[in-house]
Protein backbone atom coordinates (compact mmCIF):
# COMPACT_ATOMS: atom_id res chain seq x y z
CA UNK A 1 0.00 0.00 0.00
CA UNK A 2 1.46 3.33 -1.07
CA UNK A 3 2.18 5.77 1.75
CA UNK A 4 1.27 9.31 0.82
CA UNK A 5 4.11 11.72 1.46
CA UNK A 6 3.24 14.39 3.96
CA UNK A 7 3.71 17.82 2.41
CA UNK A 8 5.02 20.52 4.72
CA UNK A 9 3.45 23.96 4.94
CA UNK A 10 6.64 25.39 3.40
CA UNK A 11 6.22 23.08 0.41
CA UNK A 12 2.55 24.04 0.05
CA UNK A 13 3.50 27.71 0.10
CA UNK A 14 6.28 27.12 -2.42
CA UNK A 15 3.89 25.33 -4.79
CA UNK A 16 1.28 28.06 -4.44
CA UNK A 17 3.85 30.80 -5.04
CA UNK A 18 4.71 29.17 -8.36
CA UNK A 19 1.04 29.50 -9.35
CA UNK A 20 0.69 33.00 -7.89
CA UNK A 21 -0.26 35.88 -10.17
CA UNK A 22 0.29 39.63 -9.90
CA UNK A 23 -2.43 42.04 -8.84
CA UNK A 24 -2.63 43.37 -12.40
CA UNK A 25 -3.19 39.83 -13.73
CA UNK A 26 -5.82 39.18 -11.06
CA UNK A 27 -7.69 42.36 -11.96
CA UNK A 28 -7.64 41.33 -15.63
CA UNK A 29 -8.95 37.88 -14.70
CA UNK A 30 -11.80 39.26 -12.60
CA UNK A 31 -12.76 41.79 -15.26
CA UNK A 32 -12.82 39.16 -18.01
CA UNK A 33 -14.94 36.83 -15.87
CA UNK A 34 -17.34 39.67 -15.06
CA UNK A 35 -17.69 40.43 -18.78
CA UNK A 36 -18.52 36.76 -19.44
CA UNK A 37 -20.95 36.48 -16.52
CA UNK A 38 -18.72 33.91 -14.82
CA UNK A 39 -16.64 33.54 -11.64
CA UNK A 40 -13.60 31.86 -10.16
CA UNK A 41 -14.01 28.85 -7.88
CA UNK A 42 -15.56 25.40 -8.12
CA UNK A 43 -19.13 26.74 -7.93
CA UNK A 44 -20.33 28.61 -11.02
CA UNK A 45 -23.68 29.94 -9.82
CA UNK A 46 -25.48 33.00 -11.12
CA UNK A 47 -25.26 34.59 -7.67
CA UNK A 48 -21.48 34.19 -7.50
CA UNK A 49 -21.13 35.50 -11.06
CA UNK A 50 -23.13 38.57 -10.02
CA UNK A 51 -20.83 39.08 -7.03
CA UNK A 52 -17.83 38.87 -9.36
CA UNK A 53 -19.34 41.58 -11.56
CA UNK A 54 -20.01 43.75 -8.51
CA UNK A 55 -16.49 43.17 -7.15
CA UNK A 56 -14.91 44.12 -10.47
CA UNK A 57 -16.57 47.52 -10.09
CA UNK A 58 -15.58 47.78 -6.43
CA UNK A 59 -11.91 47.08 -7.13
CA UNK A 60 -11.88 49.52 -10.04
CA UNK A 61 -13.23 52.19 -7.70
CA UNK A 62 -10.73 51.42 -4.92
CA UNK A 63 -7.84 51.38 -7.40
CA UNK A 64 -8.67 55.01 -8.15
CA UNK A 65 -9.71 56.30 -4.73
CA UNK A 66 -7.62 54.65 -1.96
CA UNK A 67 -5.48 57.31 -0.30
CA UNK A 68 -2.40 56.66 1.85
CA UNK A 69 -1.08 59.52 3.97
CA UNK A 70 2.45 60.86 3.44
CA UNK A 71 3.35 59.75 6.97
CA UNK A 72 2.35 56.16 6.23
CA UNK A 73 4.03 56.26 2.81
CA UNK A 74 7.30 57.21 4.53
CA UNK A 75 6.93 54.34 7.01
CA UNK A 76 6.23 51.73 4.34
CA UNK A 77 8.96 52.95 1.98
CA UNK A 78 11.37 52.52 4.90
CA UNK A 79 10.42 48.84 5.37
CA UNK A 80 13.67 46.83 5.42
CA UNK A 81 12.27 43.34 4.92
CA UNK A 82 12.26 41.07 1.88
CA UNK A 83 8.86 39.41 1.84
CA UNK A 84 6.18 37.97 -0.38
CA UNK A 85 2.56 38.62 0.43
CA UNK A 86 0.65 35.57 -0.74
CA UNK A 87 -3.08 36.31 -0.77
CA UNK A 88 -5.71 33.58 -1.01
CA UNK A 89 -8.85 34.90 -2.69
CA UNK A 90 -11.76 34.31 -5.10
CA UNK A 91 -13.40 36.78 -7.47
CA UNK A 92 -16.83 36.52 -5.79
CA UNK A 93 -15.66 37.45 -2.28
CA UNK A 94 -16.88 40.87 -1.12
CA UNK A 95 -14.31 41.27 1.66
CA UNK A 96 -11.52 40.43 -0.79
CA UNK A 97 -12.73 43.10 -3.22
CA UNK A 98 -12.39 45.74 -0.52
CA UNK A 99 -9.15 44.46 1.01
CA UNK A 100 -6.92 43.45 -1.91
CA UNK A 101 -6.78 46.81 -3.75
CA UNK A 102 -5.57 48.39 -0.50
CA UNK A 103 -2.92 45.70 -0.01
CA UNK A 104 -1.75 46.38 -3.56
CA UNK A 105 -1.46 50.11 -2.90
CA UNK A 106 0.69 49.37 0.17
CA UNK A 107 2.86 46.79 -1.61
CA UNK A 108 3.57 49.26 -4.42
CA UNK A 109 5.27 51.56 -1.91
CA UNK A 110 8.05 49.11 -0.99
CA UNK A 111 10.59 47.24 -3.09
CA UNK A 112 10.73 44.70 -0.25
CA UNK A 113 7.14 43.51 -0.73
CA UNK A 114 6.11 41.22 -3.60
CA UNK A 115 2.34 40.68 -3.87
CA UNK A 116 1.06 37.40 -5.32
CA UNK A 117 -2.48 36.05 -5.47
CA UNK A 118 -3.84 32.50 -5.66
CA UNK A 119 -7.37 31.12 -5.78
CA UNK A 120 -8.74 29.34 -2.72
CA UNK A 121 -10.45 26.45 -4.49
CA UNK A 122 -7.26 25.65 -6.41
CA UNK A 123 -5.18 25.69 -3.20
CA UNK A 124 -7.37 23.96 -0.64
CA UNK A 125 -4.51 22.25 1.21
CA UNK A 126 -2.82 25.61 1.74
CA UNK A 127 -6.09 27.28 2.72
CA UNK A 128 -6.67 24.63 5.36
CA UNK A 129 -3.43 25.66 7.07
CA UNK A 130 -4.72 29.20 7.51
CA UNK A 131 -8.33 28.85 8.63
CA UNK A 132 -10.21 31.54 10.52
CA UNK A 133 -12.26 30.08 13.39
CA UNK A 134 -12.25 26.79 11.50
CA UNK A 135 -13.52 28.31 8.25
CA UNK A 136 -11.94 28.93 4.84
CA UNK A 137 -12.45 32.68 5.11
CA UNK A 138 -10.89 34.96 2.50
CA UNK A 139 -9.12 37.16 1.65
CA UNK A 140 -6.22 35.67 3.65
CA UNK A 141 -2.79 37.28 3.48
CA UNK A 142 0.24 35.13 4.34
CA UNK A 143 3.43 37.13 4.90
CA UNK A 144 6.47 35.06 3.91
CA UNK A 145 10.16 35.81 4.50
CA UNK A 146 11.82 35.36 1.11
CA UNK A 147 15.16 34.39 2.67
CA UNK A 148 13.99 31.68 5.07
CA UNK A 149 10.60 30.74 3.62
CA UNK A 150 9.10 31.18 7.09
CA UNK A 151 5.60 32.58 7.65
CA UNK A 152 6.06 35.86 9.52
CA UNK A 153 2.42 36.76 10.04
CA UNK A 154 -1.06 36.60 8.56
CA UNK A 155 -3.88 39.07 8.00
CA UNK A 156 -7.53 38.71 7.13
CA UNK A 157 -10.12 37.97 6.09
CA UNK A 158 -11.14 41.42 7.32
CA UNK A 159 -9.48 44.42 8.98
CA UNK A 160 -9.66 44.62 12.78
CA UNK A 161 -12.66 46.95 13.11
CA UNK A 162 -14.74 44.98 10.58
CA UNK A 163 -13.79 41.76 12.39
CA UNK A 164 -15.04 43.25 15.66
CA UNK A 165 -18.33 44.27 14.01
CA UNK A 166 -18.78 40.72 12.68
CA UNK A 167 -17.91 39.06 15.99
CA UNK A 168 -20.23 41.34 17.96
CA UNK A 169 -23.12 40.71 15.57
CA UNK A 170 -22.58 36.94 15.60
CA UNK A 171 -22.46 36.93 19.41
CA UNK A 172 -25.80 38.73 19.54
CA UNK A 173 -27.66 37.19 16.58
CA UNK A 174 -25.88 33.90 15.87
CA UNK A 175 -25.58 34.40 12.11
CA UNK A 176 -24.78 37.21 9.70
CA UNK A 177 -27.98 38.41 8.04
CA UNK A 178 -28.19 39.95 4.55
CA UNK A 179 -28.98 43.26 6.28
CA UNK A 180 -25.78 43.08 8.32
CA UNK A 181 -23.76 42.24 5.21
CA UNK A 182 -25.13 45.39 3.56
CA UNK A 183 -24.18 47.39 6.66
CA UNK A 184 -20.67 45.94 6.45
CA UNK A 185 -20.34 47.13 2.84
CA UNK A 186 -21.36 50.61 4.02
CA UNK A 187 -18.66 50.43 6.71
CA UNK A 188 -16.00 49.55 4.11
CA UNK A 189 -17.11 52.44 1.92
CA UNK A 190 -16.94 54.92 4.80
CA UNK A 191 -13.59 53.65 6.10
CA UNK A 192 -11.96 53.95 2.65
CA UNK A 193 -9.28 51.35 3.44
CA UNK A 194 -7.79 53.23 6.40
CA UNK A 195 -8.30 50.42 8.94
CA UNK A 196 -6.57 47.97 6.58
CA UNK A 197 -3.66 50.37 6.19
CA UNK A 198 -3.22 50.84 9.95
CA UNK A 199 -3.46 47.08 10.60
CA UNK A 200 -0.80 46.33 7.99
CA UNK A 201 1.54 49.07 9.23
CA UNK A 202 1.31 47.48 12.68
CA UNK A 203 2.07 44.02 11.29
CA UNK A 204 5.07 45.34 9.37
CA UNK A 205 6.42 46.98 12.51
CA UNK A 206 7.29 50.23 10.74
C-alpha atoms as a PDB file:
ATOM      1  CA  UNK A   1       0.000   0.000   0.000  1.00  0.00           C
ATOM      2  CA  UNK A   2       1.457   3.334  -1.065  1.00  0.00           C
ATOM      3  CA  UNK A   3       2.184   5.766   1.749  1.00  0.00           C
ATOM      4  CA  UNK A   4       1.271   9.315   0.824  1.00  0.00           C
ATOM      5  CA  UNK A   5       4.112  11.723   1.455  1.00  0.00           C
ATOM      6  CA  UNK A   6       3.240  14.386   3.962  1.00  0.00           C
ATOM      7  CA  UNK A   7       3.709  17.816   2.407  1.00  0.00           C
ATOM      8  CA  UNK A   8       5.021  20.522   4.720  1.00  0.00           C
ATOM      9  CA  UNK A   9       3.453  23.956   4.936  1.00  0.00           C
ATOM     10  CA  UNK A  10       6.637  25.388   3.396  1.00  0.00           C
ATOM     11  CA  UNK A  11       6.222  23.075   0.409  1.00  0.00           C
ATOM     12  CA  UNK A  12       2.548  24.040   0.047  1.00  0.00           C
ATOM     13  CA  UNK A  13       3.495  27.710   0.100  1.00  0.00           C
ATOM     14  CA  UNK A  14       6.283  27.119  -2.420  1.00  0.00           C
ATOM     15  CA  UNK A  15       3.893  25.331  -4.787  1.00  0.00           C
ATOM     16  CA  UNK A  16       1.278  28.065  -4.437  1.00  0.00           C
ATOM     17  CA  UNK A  17       3.854  30.796  -5.039  1.00  0.00           C
ATOM     18  CA  UNK A  18       4.709  29.173  -8.363  1.00  0.00           C
ATOM     19  CA  UNK A  19       1.042  29.501  -9.349  1.00  0.00           C
ATOM     20  CA  UNK A  20       0.689  32.997  -7.893  1.00  0.00           C
ATOM     21  CA  UNK A  21      -0.256  35.885 -10.170  1.00  0.00           C
ATOM     22  CA  UNK A  22       0.289  39.633  -9.904  1.00  0.00           C
ATOM     23  CA  UNK A  23      -2.433  42.041  -8.841  1.00  0.00           C
ATOM     24  CA  UNK A  24      -2.630  43.370 -12.397  1.00  0.00           C
ATOM     25  CA  UNK A  25      -3.194  39.834 -13.730  1.00  0.00           C
ATOM     26  CA  UNK A  26      -5.816  39.182 -11.057  1.00  0.00           C
ATOM     27  CA  UNK A  27      -7.687  42.364 -11.957  1.00  0.00           C
ATOM     28  CA  UNK A  28      -7.638  41.331 -15.626  1.00  0.00           C
ATOM     29  CA  UNK A  29      -8.947  37.875 -14.702  1.00  0.00           C
ATOM     30  CA  UNK A  30     -11.805  39.256 -12.596  1.00  0.00           C
ATOM     31  CA  UNK A  31     -12.756  41.790 -15.262  1.00  0.00           C
ATOM     32  CA  UNK A  32     -12.819  39.158 -18.012  1.00  0.00           C
ATOM     33  CA  UNK A  33     -14.942  36.825 -15.871  1.00  0.00           C
ATOM     34  CA  UNK A  34     -17.338  39.669 -15.064  1.00  0.00           C
ATOM     35  CA  UNK A  35     -17.692  40.426 -18.781  1.00  0.00           C
ATOM     36  CA  UNK A  36     -18.523  36.759 -19.444  1.00  0.00           C
ATOM     37  CA  UNK A  37     -20.947  36.476 -16.520  1.00  0.00           C
ATOM     38  CA  UNK A  38     -18.715  33.913 -14.820  1.00  0.00           C
ATOM     39  CA  UNK A  39     -16.644  33.541 -11.638  1.00  0.00           C
ATOM     40  CA  UNK A  40     -13.599  31.858 -10.158  1.00  0.00           C
ATOM     41  CA  UNK A  41     -14.011  28.848  -7.876  1.00  0.00           C
ATOM     42  CA  UNK A  42     -15.557  25.399  -8.119  1.00  0.00           C
ATOM     43  CA  UNK A  43     -19.131  26.738  -7.929  1.00  0.00           C
ATOM     44  CA  UNK A  44     -20.329  28.612 -11.016  1.00  0.00           C
ATOM     45  CA  UNK A  45     -23.678  29.941  -9.819  1.00  0.00           C
ATOM     46  CA  UNK A  46     -25.483  33.000 -11.124  1.00  0.00           C
ATOM     47  CA  UNK A  47     -25.263  34.594  -7.675  1.00  0.00           C
ATOM     48  CA  UNK A  48     -21.483  34.185  -7.496  1.00  0.00           C
ATOM     49  CA  UNK A  49     -21.134  35.500 -11.056  1.00  0.00           C
ATOM     50  CA  UNK A  50     -23.134  38.571 -10.016  1.00  0.00           C
ATOM     51  CA  UNK A  51     -20.831  39.085  -7.026  1.00  0.00           C
ATOM     52  CA  UNK A  52     -17.826  38.869  -9.362  1.00  0.00           C
ATOM     53  CA  UNK A  53     -19.339  41.581 -11.561  1.00  0.00           C
ATOM     54  CA  UNK A  54     -20.006  43.754  -8.505  1.00  0.00           C
ATOM     55  CA  UNK A  55     -16.488  43.174  -7.150  1.00  0.00           C
ATOM     56  CA  UNK A  56     -14.911  44.118 -10.470  1.00  0.00           C
ATOM     57  CA  UNK A  57     -16.573  47.520 -10.090  1.00  0.00           C
ATOM     58  CA  UNK A  58     -15.576  47.775  -6.427  1.00  0.00           C
ATOM     59  CA  UNK A  59     -11.914  47.077  -7.130  1.00  0.00           C
ATOM     60  CA  UNK A  60     -11.877  49.516 -10.041  1.00  0.00           C
ATOM     61  CA  UNK A  61     -13.231  52.186  -7.698  1.00  0.00           C
ATOM     62  CA  UNK A  62     -10.728  51.419  -4.924  1.00  0.00           C
ATOM     63  CA  UNK A  63      -7.837  51.378  -7.402  1.00  0.00           C
ATOM     64  CA  UNK A  64      -8.674  55.010  -8.147  1.00  0.00           C
ATOM     65  CA  UNK A  65      -9.712  56.303  -4.727  1.00  0.00           C
ATOM     66  CA  UNK A  66      -7.623  54.651  -1.963  1.00  0.00           C
ATOM     67  CA  UNK A  67      -5.480  57.308  -0.303  1.00  0.00           C
ATOM     68  CA  UNK A  68      -2.402  56.662   1.851  1.00  0.00           C
ATOM     69  CA  UNK A  69      -1.075  59.525   3.972  1.00  0.00           C
ATOM     70  CA  UNK A  70       2.449  60.858   3.435  1.00  0.00           C
ATOM     71  CA  UNK A  71       3.350  59.752   6.969  1.00  0.00           C
ATOM     72  CA  UNK A  72       2.350  56.162   6.231  1.00  0.00           C
ATOM     73  CA  UNK A  73       4.030  56.258   2.815  1.00  0.00           C
ATOM     74  CA  UNK A  74       7.303  57.206   4.528  1.00  0.00           C
ATOM     75  CA  UNK A  75       6.933  54.340   7.006  1.00  0.00           C
ATOM     76  CA  UNK A  76       6.234  51.733   4.337  1.00  0.00           C
ATOM     77  CA  UNK A  77       8.960  52.949   1.981  1.00  0.00           C
ATOM     78  CA  UNK A  78      11.369  52.517   4.903  1.00  0.00           C
ATOM     79  CA  UNK A  79      10.422  48.837   5.372  1.00  0.00           C
ATOM     80  CA  UNK A  80      13.670  46.833   5.420  1.00  0.00           C
ATOM     81  CA  UNK A  81      12.271  43.336   4.924  1.00  0.00           C
ATOM     82  CA  UNK A  82      12.260  41.072   1.876  1.00  0.00           C
ATOM     83  CA  UNK A  83       8.860  39.413   1.840  1.00  0.00           C
ATOM     84  CA  UNK A  84       6.176  37.968  -0.379  1.00  0.00           C
ATOM     85  CA  UNK A  85       2.560  38.623   0.435  1.00  0.00           C
ATOM     86  CA  UNK A  86       0.645  35.571  -0.738  1.00  0.00           C
ATOM     87  CA  UNK A  87      -3.080  36.310  -0.775  1.00  0.00           C
ATOM     88  CA  UNK A  88      -5.714  33.578  -1.012  1.00  0.00           C
ATOM     89  CA  UNK A  89      -8.847  34.898  -2.686  1.00  0.00           C
ATOM     90  CA  UNK A  90     -11.763  34.311  -5.097  1.00  0.00           C
ATOM     91  CA  UNK A  91     -13.399  36.783  -7.468  1.00  0.00           C
ATOM     92  CA  UNK A  92     -16.830  36.520  -5.792  1.00  0.00           C
ATOM     93  CA  UNK A  93     -15.656  37.452  -2.278  1.00  0.00           C
ATOM     94  CA  UNK A  94     -16.881  40.866  -1.116  1.00  0.00           C
ATOM     95  CA  UNK A  95     -14.315  41.272   1.663  1.00  0.00           C
ATOM     96  CA  UNK A  96     -11.518  40.433  -0.791  1.00  0.00           C
ATOM     97  CA  UNK A  97     -12.725  43.096  -3.224  1.00  0.00           C
ATOM     98  CA  UNK A  98     -12.394  45.741  -0.519  1.00  0.00           C
ATOM     99  CA  UNK A  99      -9.150  44.464   1.013  1.00  0.00           C
ATOM    100  CA  UNK A 100      -6.918  43.447  -1.907  1.00  0.00           C
ATOM    101  CA  UNK A 101      -6.778  46.811  -3.752  1.00  0.00           C
ATOM    102  CA  UNK A 102      -5.574  48.391  -0.503  1.00  0.00           C
ATOM    103  CA  UNK A 103      -2.923  45.695  -0.012  1.00  0.00           C
ATOM    104  CA  UNK A 104      -1.749  46.377  -3.557  1.00  0.00           C
ATOM    105  CA  UNK A 105      -1.457  50.112  -2.896  1.00  0.00           C
ATOM    106  CA  UNK A 106       0.688  49.368   0.171  1.00  0.00           C
ATOM    107  CA  UNK A 107       2.859  46.789  -1.610  1.00  0.00           C
ATOM    108  CA  UNK A 108       3.569  49.255  -4.423  1.00  0.00           C
ATOM    109  CA  UNK A 109       5.269  51.564  -1.914  1.00  0.00           C
ATOM    110  CA  UNK A 110       8.047  49.110  -0.993  1.00  0.00           C
ATOM    111  CA  UNK A 111      10.593  47.244  -3.086  1.00  0.00           C
ATOM    112  CA  UNK A 112      10.727  44.700  -0.246  1.00  0.00           C
ATOM    113  CA  UNK A 113       7.140  43.514  -0.727  1.00  0.00           C
ATOM    114  CA  UNK A 114       6.105  41.225  -3.600  1.00  0.00           C
ATOM    115  CA  UNK A 115       2.339  40.684  -3.868  1.00  0.00           C
ATOM    116  CA  UNK A 116       1.063  37.397  -5.323  1.00  0.00           C
ATOM    117  CA  UNK A 117      -2.483  36.053  -5.474  1.00  0.00           C
ATOM    118  CA  UNK A 118      -3.840  32.504  -5.660  1.00  0.00           C
ATOM    119  CA  UNK A 119      -7.367  31.117  -5.776  1.00  0.00           C
ATOM    120  CA  UNK A 120      -8.738  29.343  -2.724  1.00  0.00           C
ATOM    121  CA  UNK A 121     -10.454  26.446  -4.490  1.00  0.00           C
ATOM    122  CA  UNK A 122      -7.263  25.649  -6.409  1.00  0.00           C
ATOM    123  CA  UNK A 123      -5.182  25.695  -3.204  1.00  0.00           C
ATOM    124  CA  UNK A 124      -7.375  23.959  -0.639  1.00  0.00           C
ATOM    125  CA  UNK A 125      -4.506  22.252   1.213  1.00  0.00           C
ATOM    126  CA  UNK A 126      -2.818  25.611   1.739  1.00  0.00           C
ATOM    127  CA  UNK A 127      -6.089  27.279   2.716  1.00  0.00           C
ATOM    128  CA  UNK A 128      -6.672  24.629   5.360  1.00  0.00           C
ATOM    129  CA  UNK A 129      -3.426  25.655   7.070  1.00  0.00           C
ATOM    130  CA  UNK A 130      -4.716  29.198   7.511  1.00  0.00           C
ATOM    131  CA  UNK A 131      -8.326  28.850   8.628  1.00  0.00           C
ATOM    132  CA  UNK A 132     -10.206  31.541  10.520  1.00  0.00           C
ATOM    133  CA  UNK A 133     -12.262  30.079  13.391  1.00  0.00           C
ATOM    134  CA  UNK A 134     -12.251  26.790  11.500  1.00  0.00           C
ATOM    135  CA  UNK A 135     -13.524  28.305   8.250  1.00  0.00           C
ATOM    136  CA  UNK A 136     -11.936  28.932   4.840  1.00  0.00           C
ATOM    137  CA  UNK A 137     -12.447  32.685   5.113  1.00  0.00           C
ATOM    138  CA  UNK A 138     -10.885  34.955   2.496  1.00  0.00           C
ATOM    139  CA  UNK A 139      -9.117  37.165   1.650  1.00  0.00           C
ATOM    140  CA  UNK A 140      -6.218  35.666   3.645  1.00  0.00           C
ATOM    141  CA  UNK A 141      -2.787  37.284   3.482  1.00  0.00           C
ATOM    142  CA  UNK A 142       0.242  35.134   4.339  1.00  0.00           C
ATOM    143  CA  UNK A 143       3.429  37.131   4.904  1.00  0.00           C
ATOM    144  CA  UNK A 144       6.475  35.063   3.914  1.00  0.00           C
ATOM    145  CA  UNK A 145      10.157  35.806   4.501  1.00  0.00           C
ATOM    146  CA  UNK A 146      11.822  35.364   1.110  1.00  0.00           C
ATOM    147  CA  UNK A 147      15.156  34.390   2.665  1.00  0.00           C
ATOM    148  CA  UNK A 148      13.991  31.677   5.071  1.00  0.00           C
ATOM    149  CA  UNK A 149      10.603  30.735   3.625  1.00  0.00           C
ATOM    150  CA  UNK A 150       9.096  31.175   7.087  1.00  0.00           C
ATOM    151  CA  UNK A 151       5.602  32.581   7.648  1.00  0.00           C
ATOM    152  CA  UNK A 152       6.056  35.857   9.524  1.00  0.00           C
ATOM    153  CA  UNK A 153       2.422  36.764  10.038  1.00  0.00           C
ATOM    154  CA  UNK A 154      -1.065  36.597   8.558  1.00  0.00           C
ATOM    155  CA  UNK A 155      -3.878  39.065   7.999  1.00  0.00           C
ATOM    156  CA  UNK A 156      -7.529  38.711   7.135  1.00  0.00           C
ATOM    157  CA  UNK A 157     -10.124  37.969   6.091  1.00  0.00           C
ATOM    158  CA  UNK A 158     -11.144  41.422   7.322  1.00  0.00           C
ATOM    159  CA  UNK A 159      -9.484  44.417   8.983  1.00  0.00           C
ATOM    160  CA  UNK A 160      -9.658  44.619  12.776  1.00  0.00           C
ATOM    161  CA  UNK A 161     -12.665  46.953  13.112  1.00  0.00           C
ATOM    162  CA  UNK A 162     -14.738  44.984  10.583  1.00  0.00           C
ATOM    163  CA  UNK A 163     -13.786  41.761  12.391  1.00  0.00           C
ATOM    164  CA  UNK A 164     -15.039  43.253  15.657  1.00  0.00           C
ATOM    165  CA  UNK A 165     -18.332  44.267  14.012  1.00  0.00           C
ATOM    166  CA  UNK A 166     -18.782  40.722  12.677  1.00  0.00           C
ATOM    167  CA  UNK A 167     -17.906  39.065  15.987  1.00  0.00           C
ATOM    168  CA  UNK A 168     -20.234  41.337  17.960  1.00  0.00           C
ATOM    169  CA  UNK A 169     -23.117  40.713  15.571  1.00  0.00           C
ATOM    170  CA  UNK A 170     -22.576  36.943  15.603  1.00  0.00           C
ATOM    171  CA  UNK A 171     -22.462  36.935  19.407  1.00  0.00           C
ATOM    172  CA  UNK A 172     -25.804  38.731  19.536  1.00  0.00           C
ATOM    173  CA  UNK A 173     -27.661  37.187  16.585  1.00  0.00           C
ATOM    174  CA  UNK A 174     -25.878  33.896  15.871  1.00  0.00           C
ATOM    175  CA  UNK A 175     -25.581  34.399  12.114  1.00  0.00           C
ATOM    176  CA  UNK A 176     -24.781  37.212   9.699  1.00  0.00           C
ATOM    177  CA  UNK A 177     -27.975  38.414   8.041  1.00  0.00           C
ATOM    178  CA  UNK A 178     -28.192  39.954   4.551  1.00  0.00           C
ATOM    179  CA  UNK A 179     -28.981  43.256   6.281  1.00  0.00           C
ATOM    180  CA  UNK A 180     -25.775  43.081   8.317  1.00  0.00           C
ATOM    181  CA  UNK A 181     -23.757  42.243   5.210  1.00  0.00           C
ATOM    182  CA  UNK A 182     -25.130  45.394   3.562  1.00  0.00           C
ATOM    183  CA  UNK A 183     -24.177  47.394   6.658  1.00  0.00           C
ATOM    184  CA  UNK A 184     -20.666  45.945   6.451  1.00  0.00           C
ATOM    185  CA  UNK A 185     -20.344  47.134   2.841  1.00  0.00           C
ATOM    186  CA  UNK A 186     -21.361  50.614   4.018  1.00  0.00           C
ATOM    187  CA  UNK A 187     -18.663  50.435   6.706  1.00  0.00           C
ATOM    188  CA  UNK A 188     -15.998  49.548   4.111  1.00  0.00           C
ATOM    189  CA  UNK A 189     -17.110  52.441   1.919  1.00  0.00           C
ATOM    190  CA  UNK A 190     -16.939  54.919   4.802  1.00  0.00           C
ATOM    191  CA  UNK A 191     -13.588  53.646   6.101  1.00  0.00           C
ATOM    192  CA  UNK A 192     -11.957  53.955   2.652  1.00  0.00           C
ATOM    193  CA  UNK A 193      -9.284  51.349   3.436  1.00  0.00           C
ATOM    194  CA  UNK A 194      -7.794  53.231   6.396  1.00  0.00           C
ATOM    195  CA  UNK A 195      -8.302  50.420   8.939  1.00  0.00           C
ATOM    196  CA  UNK A 196      -6.573  47.972   6.579  1.00  0.00           C
ATOM    197  CA  UNK A 197      -3.657  50.373   6.190  1.00  0.00           C
ATOM    198  CA  UNK A 198      -3.216  50.843   9.952  1.00  0.00           C
ATOM    199  CA  UNK A 199      -3.463  47.083  10.597  1.00  0.00           C
ATOM    200  CA  UNK A 200      -0.796  46.334   7.988  1.00  0.00           C
ATOM    201  CA  UNK A 201       1.537  49.073   9.230  1.00  0.00           C
ATOM    202  CA  UNK A 202       1.307  47.485  12.682  1.00  0.00           C
ATOM    203  CA  UNK A 203       2.067  44.020  11.286  1.00  0.00           C
ATOM    204  CA  UNK A 204       5.069  45.339   9.367  1.00  0.00           C
ATOM    205  CA  UNK A 205       6.421  46.978  12.515  1.00  0.00           C
ATOM    206  CA  UNK A 206       7.285  50.231  10.745  1.00  0.00           C
END
